[in-house]
Protein backbone atom coordinates (compact mmCIF):
# COMPACT_ATOMS: atom_id res chain seq x y z
CA MET A 1 61.71 10.62 38.98
CA GLN A 2 58.13 9.67 39.70
CA LYS A 3 57.09 13.31 39.39
CA ASN A 4 58.76 13.55 35.95
CA ASN A 5 56.97 10.40 34.79
CA THR A 6 53.68 11.81 36.07
CA LYS A 7 54.27 15.06 34.15
CA LYS A 8 55.17 13.19 30.96
CA SER A 9 52.10 11.00 31.39
CA SER A 10 49.89 14.08 31.77
CA ILE A 11 51.42 15.68 28.67
CA ASN A 12 50.83 12.49 26.66
CA GLN A 13 47.23 12.32 27.87
CA ILE A 14 46.62 15.93 26.82
CA ALA A 15 48.35 15.32 23.48
CA GLY A 16 46.27 12.19 22.96
CA LYS A 17 43.03 14.04 23.64
CA MET A 18 44.05 16.91 21.36
CA ALA A 19 45.03 14.52 18.54
CA GLY A 20 41.53 13.10 18.59
CA LYS A 21 39.88 16.51 18.29
CA GLN A 22 38.94 18.00 14.95
CA ILE A 23 40.59 21.36 15.62
CA PHE A 24 43.97 19.69 16.33
CA ILE A 25 45.15 19.76 12.69
CA PRO A 26 44.66 23.50 11.95
CA ILE A 27 46.27 24.36 15.29
CA ALA A 28 49.19 21.99 14.60
CA ALA A 29 49.60 23.42 11.08
CA LEU A 30 49.56 26.96 12.47
CA LEU A 31 52.25 26.08 15.02
CA LEU A 32 54.42 24.36 12.40
CA LEU A 33 54.25 27.38 10.08
CA ALA A 34 55.00 29.71 12.98
CA ILE A 35 58.01 27.64 14.11
CA PHE A 36 59.32 27.40 10.53
CA ASN A 37 59.19 31.18 10.07
CA LEU A 38 60.63 31.78 13.52
CA ILE A 39 63.67 29.61 12.68
CA VAL A 40 64.21 30.79 9.10
CA ASP A 41 63.45 34.49 9.55
CA PRO A 42 62.23 35.86 12.90
CA SER A 43 61.52 39.23 11.24
CA PHE A 44 58.40 37.56 9.80
CA PHE A 45 56.68 38.33 13.11
CA LYS A 46 57.71 41.99 13.21
CA ILE A 47 54.78 44.42 13.43
CA SER A 48 55.37 48.14 13.01
CA MET A 49 53.33 51.31 12.85
CA ASP A 50 53.54 52.89 9.40
CA VAL A 51 51.74 55.60 7.44
CA ASN A 52 49.58 54.35 4.55
CA SER A 53 48.86 56.12 1.25
CA ALA A 54 45.94 57.99 2.86
CA GLY A 55 48.24 59.44 5.51
CA ASP A 56 46.82 57.38 8.39
CA GLN A 57 48.93 55.48 10.90
CA VAL A 58 48.30 51.76 10.52
CA LEU A 59 49.87 48.50 11.64
CA SER A 60 51.93 46.70 9.02
CA GLY A 61 53.78 43.40 8.78
CA TYR A 62 53.28 39.86 7.55
CA LEU A 63 50.99 38.98 10.45
CA ILE A 64 48.77 41.97 9.65
CA THR A 65 48.64 40.80 6.02
CA ILE A 66 47.51 37.36 7.19
CA LEU A 67 44.88 38.95 9.40
CA ASP A 68 43.74 41.18 6.52
CA TYR A 69 43.50 38.79 3.57
CA GLY A 70 42.72 35.75 5.70
CA SER A 71 39.55 37.47 6.91
CA GLU A 72 37.83 37.47 3.52
CA LEU A 73 38.75 33.80 3.14
CA ALA A 74 37.33 33.09 6.62
CA ILE A 75 34.01 34.66 5.57
CA LEU A 76 33.82 32.39 2.53
CA ALA A 77 34.82 29.37 4.66
CA ILE A 78 31.70 29.91 6.79
CA GLY A 79 29.37 29.50 3.81
CA MET A 80 31.47 26.77 2.19
CA THR A 81 31.37 24.74 5.41
CA LEU A 82 27.57 24.77 5.47
CA VAL A 83 27.35 23.85 1.77
CA THR A 84 29.83 21.00 2.23
CA ALA A 85 28.09 19.68 5.34
CA ALA A 86 24.59 19.78 3.84
CA SER A 87 25.24 18.70 0.25
CA GLY A 88 28.35 16.56 0.51
CA GLY A 89 29.93 18.67 -2.25
CA GLN A 90 31.57 22.00 -2.86
CA ASP A 91 30.72 25.22 -4.68
CA ILE A 92 33.49 26.03 -7.18
CA SER A 93 31.77 29.17 -8.45
CA VAL A 94 32.43 31.53 -5.52
CA GLY A 95 35.28 33.34 -7.31
CA ALA A 96 33.06 34.07 -10.31
CA ALA A 97 30.18 34.98 -7.98
CA ILE A 98 32.44 37.51 -6.21
CA ALA A 99 33.19 39.05 -9.61
CA ILE A 100 29.43 39.36 -10.27
CA ALA A 101 28.63 40.80 -6.83
CA GLY A 102 31.57 43.21 -7.05
CA SER A 103 30.47 44.34 -10.50
CA VAL A 104 26.94 44.96 -9.17
CA ILE A 105 28.32 47.09 -6.33
CA LEU A 106 30.29 49.26 -8.76
CA ARG A 107 27.35 49.49 -11.15
CA VAL A 108 25.05 50.80 -8.43
CA LEU A 109 27.66 53.21 -7.08
CA CYS A 110 28.78 54.53 -10.47
CA GLY A 111 25.55 54.38 -12.47
CA THR A 112 26.13 54.85 -16.18
CA ASN A 113 29.38 56.76 -15.64
CA SER A 114 32.45 54.57 -15.20
CA ARG A 115 34.25 57.31 -13.23
CA PRO A 116 31.70 59.49 -11.43
CA ASP A 117 32.77 62.42 -9.26
CA GLU A 118 30.10 61.54 -6.73
CA LEU A 119 28.46 58.26 -5.72
CA GLN A 120 25.16 57.64 -7.50
CA ALA A 121 23.78 55.69 -4.51
CA PRO A 122 24.69 55.09 -0.85
CA ILE A 123 27.24 52.32 -0.27
CA ILE A 124 24.79 50.39 1.93
CA VAL A 125 22.27 50.32 -0.93
CA ALA A 126 24.90 49.00 -3.35
CA PHE A 127 25.89 46.33 -0.84
CA LEU A 128 22.29 45.23 -0.23
CA VAL A 129 21.65 44.96 -3.97
CA ALA A 130 24.81 42.86 -4.30
CA CYS A 131 23.56 40.65 -1.43
CA VAL A 132 20.27 40.04 -3.24
CA VAL A 133 22.04 39.25 -6.53
CA ALA A 134 24.61 36.95 -4.90
CA MET A 135 21.90 35.13 -2.95
CA LEU A 136 19.89 34.69 -6.16
CA PHE A 137 22.87 33.07 -7.85
CA GLY A 138 23.35 30.97 -4.71
CA ALA A 139 19.68 30.00 -4.97
CA PHE A 140 20.25 29.05 -8.62
CA ASN A 141 23.03 26.67 -7.58
CA GLY A 142 20.88 25.42 -4.71
CA ILE A 143 17.96 24.59 -6.99
CA LEU A 144 20.23 22.59 -9.31
CA VAL A 145 21.66 20.65 -6.37
CA ALA A 146 18.59 20.25 -4.15
CA GLY A 147 15.85 20.24 -6.78
CA PHE A 148 17.51 18.35 -9.62
CA ASN A 149 19.95 16.27 -7.56
CA ILE A 150 22.94 17.43 -9.61
CA GLN A 151 26.32 16.89 -7.97
CA PRO A 152 27.35 20.28 -6.42
CA MET A 153 30.66 20.61 -8.25
CA VAL A 154 28.94 19.96 -11.59
CA ALA A 155 26.02 22.27 -10.81
CA THR A 156 28.30 25.17 -9.83
CA LEU A 157 30.51 24.59 -12.88
CA ILE A 158 27.91 26.56 -14.89
CA LEU A 159 28.45 29.76 -12.90
CA PHE A 160 32.17 29.06 -12.64
CA THR A 161 32.36 29.10 -16.44
CA ALA A 162 30.00 31.97 -17.22
CA GLY A 163 30.21 34.12 -14.08
CA ARG A 164 33.04 36.44 -15.06
CA SER A 165 31.45 37.13 -18.42
CA VAL A 166 28.23 38.04 -16.60
CA ALA A 167 30.25 40.37 -14.34
CA ALA A 168 31.75 42.12 -17.37
CA TRP A 169 28.32 42.39 -19.02
CA ILE A 170 26.84 44.11 -15.94
CA ASN A 171 29.22 47.05 -16.45
CA ASN A 172 29.11 46.90 -20.27
CA ASN A 173 32.60 45.38 -20.24
CA GLU A 174 34.04 48.77 -19.28
CA LEU A 175 37.51 48.92 -17.72
CA PRO A 176 38.33 50.44 -15.44
CA VAL A 177 35.22 51.28 -13.43
CA VAL A 178 36.53 53.43 -10.59
CA VAL A 179 34.90 54.72 -7.40
CA SER A 180 36.57 57.97 -6.37
CA ASP A 181 34.86 58.33 -2.98
CA LYS A 182 37.47 57.81 -0.24
CA SER A 183 35.00 56.34 2.25
CA PHE A 184 34.48 53.34 -0.04
CA THR A 185 38.10 52.25 0.54
CA TYR A 186 37.49 51.83 4.27
CA PHE A 187 35.81 48.42 3.86
CA GLY A 188 38.87 46.82 2.28
CA GLY A 189 41.47 49.00 3.99
CA PHE A 190 41.60 50.98 7.20
CA ILE A 191 39.15 53.28 8.94
CA PRO A 192 40.98 56.51 9.90
CA GLY A 193 42.14 56.30 13.49
CA ILE A 194 41.92 52.49 13.63
CA PRO A 195 45.27 50.79 12.81
CA ILE A 196 43.77 47.30 12.35
CA PRO A 197 42.44 46.28 8.88
CA THR A 198 38.67 46.68 8.52
CA PRO A 199 38.20 43.21 6.91
CA PHE A 200 39.16 41.67 10.25
CA PHE A 201 36.26 43.44 11.99
CA ILE A 202 33.89 42.46 9.17
CA ALA A 203 34.98 38.82 9.48
CA LEU A 204 34.64 39.00 13.25
CA GLY A 205 31.08 40.27 12.85
CA CYS A 206 30.26 37.42 10.45
CA ILE A 207 31.78 34.86 12.83
CA ILE A 208 29.77 36.19 15.79
CA ILE A 209 26.51 36.21 13.80
CA THR A 210 27.19 32.66 12.59
CA ALA A 211 28.03 31.47 16.11
CA LEU A 212 24.79 32.96 17.46
CA ALA A 213 22.79 31.41 14.61
CA LEU A 214 24.28 27.99 15.25
CA LYS A 215 23.73 28.27 18.99
CA PHE A 216 20.18 29.63 19.09
CA THR A 217 18.73 27.94 16.00
CA ASN A 218 18.70 24.38 14.68
CA LEU A 219 20.63 25.32 11.54
CA GLY A 220 23.74 23.38 12.54
CA LEU A 221 21.80 20.33 13.71
CA TYR A 222 19.61 20.19 10.60
CA THR A 223 22.58 20.74 8.26
CA GLN A 224 24.53 17.90 9.83
CA ALA A 225 21.51 15.59 9.88
CA VAL A 226 20.87 16.13 6.17
CA GLY A 227 24.56 15.69 5.33
CA ILE A 228 24.86 12.45 7.31
CA ASN A 229 21.70 10.83 5.98
CA ALA A 230 19.16 12.78 3.92
CA SER A 231 16.65 9.91 3.90
CA SER A 232 16.65 9.54 7.68
CA SER A 233 16.35 13.28 8.18
CA ARG A 234 13.30 13.29 5.89
CA LEU A 235 11.69 10.59 8.01
CA ASN A 236 12.32 12.77 11.06
CA GLY A 237 10.35 15.65 9.57
CA LEU A 238 13.13 17.65 7.92
CA ASN A 239 13.17 18.90 4.35
CA PRO A 240 16.63 17.97 3.00
CA ALA A 241 16.09 19.88 -0.25
CA PHE A 242 15.33 23.12 1.60
CA ILE A 243 18.33 22.74 3.95
CA LYS A 244 20.67 22.23 0.99
CA PHE A 245 19.05 25.15 -0.83
CA LEU A 246 19.43 27.37 2.26
CA SER A 247 23.13 26.53 2.61
CA PHE A 248 23.81 27.78 -0.93
CA VAL A 249 21.84 30.97 -0.27
CA ILE A 250 23.88 31.61 2.89
CA LEU A 251 27.08 31.07 0.91
CA GLY A 252 25.75 33.65 -1.56
CA LEU A 253 25.48 36.15 1.29
CA CYS A 254 29.07 35.40 2.33
CA VAL A 255 30.13 35.96 -1.29
CA ALA A 256 28.54 39.44 -1.28
CA VAL A 257 30.46 40.41 1.88
CA ALA A 258 33.73 39.14 0.39
CA ALA A 259 32.97 41.03 -2.85
CA LEU A 260 32.53 44.31 -0.94
CA ILE A 261 35.96 43.84 0.62
CA LYS A 262 37.57 42.86 -2.69
CA VAL A 263 36.34 45.82 -4.77
CA SER A 264 36.87 48.22 -1.88
CA ARG A 265 40.59 47.39 -1.77
CA ILE A 266 41.26 49.03 -5.15
CA SER A 267 37.95 50.91 -5.69
CA SER A 268 37.69 49.06 -8.99
CA ILE A 269 37.47 45.58 -10.49
CA ASN A 270 39.25 43.34 -12.96
CA TYR A 271 36.68 40.78 -14.02
CA SER A 272 39.15 38.05 -15.01
CA VAL A 273 41.49 38.38 -12.02
CA ILE A 274 39.39 39.30 -8.99
CA ALA A 275 39.12 36.43 -6.49
CA LYS A 276 40.87 34.09 -8.92
CA ASP A 277 41.13 30.56 -7.45
CA ILE A 278 39.72 31.74 -4.11
CA GLU A 279 37.17 28.91 -4.24
CA MET A 280 40.02 26.42 -3.99
CA ASP A 281 41.39 28.14 -0.89
CA ALA A 282 37.90 28.17 0.67
CA ILE A 283 37.50 24.43 0.04
CA LEU A 284 40.99 23.78 1.42
CA ALA A 285 40.12 25.78 4.54
CA VAL A 286 37.12 23.50 5.12
CA ALA A 287 39.23 20.39 4.53
CA LEU A 288 42.05 21.65 6.73
CA GLY A 289 39.50 22.21 9.48
CA GLY A 290 39.02 18.43 9.52
CA ASN A 291 35.50 18.59 8.07
CA ALA A 292 34.47 15.62 5.93
CA LEU A 293 34.15 16.79 2.32
CA SER A 294 31.48 14.13 1.87
CA GLY A 295 29.17 16.06 4.23
CA GLY A 296 27.79 15.63 7.70
CA LYS A 297 29.36 16.78 10.96
CA PHE A 298 31.29 20.05 10.84
CA ASN A 299 33.28 22.37 13.08
CA MET A 300 32.91 26.02 12.09
CA THR A 301 35.71 27.19 14.39
CA ALA A 302 38.12 24.75 12.74
CA SER A 303 37.10 25.97 9.26
CA VAL A 304 37.68 29.63 10.16
CA LEU A 305 41.05 28.78 11.69
CA GLY A 306 41.82 26.73 8.58
CA ALA A 307 41.21 29.83 6.45
CA TYR A 308 43.82 31.81 8.38
CA VAL A 309 46.26 28.88 8.16
CA ILE A 310 45.85 28.82 4.36
CA GLN A 311 46.57 32.56 4.25
CA PHE A 312 49.53 32.05 6.61
CA LEU A 313 50.91 29.48 4.16
CA THR A 314 50.30 31.77 1.15
CA THR A 315 51.99 34.73 2.85
CA THR A 316 54.94 32.53 3.86
CA LEU A 317 55.43 31.38 0.28
CA TYR A 318 55.26 34.94 -1.04
CA LYS A 319 57.69 36.04 1.66
CA PHE A 320 60.28 33.55 0.42
CA ASN A 321 59.86 34.78 -3.17
CA VAL A 322 58.08 31.74 -4.54
CA LYS A 323 56.95 32.57 -8.07
CA SER A 324 53.21 33.02 -8.50
CA ASP A 325 53.14 30.29 -11.17
CA ALA A 326 54.61 27.79 -8.71
CA LEU A 327 52.59 28.98 -5.72
CA SER A 328 49.73 26.56 -6.30
CA ALA A 329 52.08 23.57 -6.56
CA TYR A 330 53.83 24.35 -3.27
CA LYS A 331 50.53 25.03 -1.57
CA ALA A 332 49.04 21.78 -2.93
CA ILE A 333 51.91 19.68 -1.58
CA VAL A 334 51.66 21.16 1.91
CA VAL A 335 47.87 21.03 1.98
CA ILE A 336 47.76 17.40 0.77
CA VAL A 337 49.98 16.41 3.70
CA LEU A 338 47.84 18.39 6.14
CA VAL A 339 44.56 17.04 4.78
CA VAL A 340 45.82 13.44 4.95
CA ILE A 341 46.90 14.00 8.55
CA SER A 342 43.50 15.54 9.30
CA ALA A 343 41.65 12.44 8.10
CA PRO A 344 39.57 10.88 10.92
CA VAL A 345 41.38 7.53 10.54
CA VAL A 346 44.78 9.17 10.97
CA ARG A 347 43.59 11.26 13.91
CA ASP A 348 42.20 8.16 15.64
CA LYS A 349 45.49 6.31 15.15
CA MET A 350 47.47 9.27 16.52
CA SER A 351 45.19 9.37 19.54
CA THR A 352 45.64 5.61 20.06
CA VAL A 353 49.45 5.91 19.87
CA PHE A 354 49.47 8.63 22.53
CA LYS A 355 47.24 6.52 24.77
CA LYS A 356 49.53 3.48 24.40
CA LEU A 357 52.58 5.59 25.24
CA THR A 358 50.80 6.85 28.35
CA LEU A 359 49.89 3.35 29.49
CA LYS A 360 53.43 2.04 28.91
CA LYS A 361 54.95 4.86 30.97
CA LYS A 362 52.46 4.20 33.75
CA GLU A 363 53.46 0.52 33.78
CA VAL A 364 57.18 1.43 33.81
CA GLY A 365 56.59 3.98 36.55
């Protein structure tokens, strides 16, 4: 009996510690979604080896879909986390910026011909040009926020409104612009001989680079300091305006990577549909990771995990034939609950409850 009480006490202590940690909510949400699908339809977790349209053997299943499409969202969550932490606001223009960067990639690859037989430039060149363009638009948003002290959501509303028109203008509003080179599809699909989606490896590379940057530079420390108190950070020798500006530029780089994946999936682009509403999912991933949307301290691991949880939720809703028009409503309800639970006040109360339960059981024992 005493051993059972000791075990229960240990479990409560662990649960209490976990409840107080920022990463608790995305992990809990992931487990809840997994349990729900396991009960309702265990086939959700089935993974099989199939042959894709290119004739290659690849892994398929709902979990592979989550891994695939969640990866591009995870890349955006990296940049959005830094912007949120530094500026205390969010960039709502990333969907439009992806359309611009994707249009630039196709323009460089196709030249003046909307359907060339051969690529007009190497893919790496097209990607680097898109990186420069996306970072310039990120810099534009950064200047408005850091230089003119415009609220981030208002500042990025400009690009959100005009971005897709700019994307169409880049390719003379031609539809469809199609890349016929098979190797271009590898970035958003599968590399022959590798059954795991390429976007996962791209996201993994971005995560590793970000982790190294945060560990071996002061980027994370400076970003949090500026987000917590810009005036104090200035007194300590930091330049808050530059840190905010830099966060938007980094997000621009993340946008270019996501754009490469997006246009590579279909070797083309639809200016009005590509990455539609993806900025909302990126913001939700940051919120679900327990990061304060008002800026300051952040947890990049929690944000990345939050991105995959959002994709898990989206895939679950699609799996149960939820209409696309109602998808946002269902997602909003679930996310509101998760975000409320992830609030620091709620987490602290949950941690306190677990601690009280532990103490009571110790007294009874």
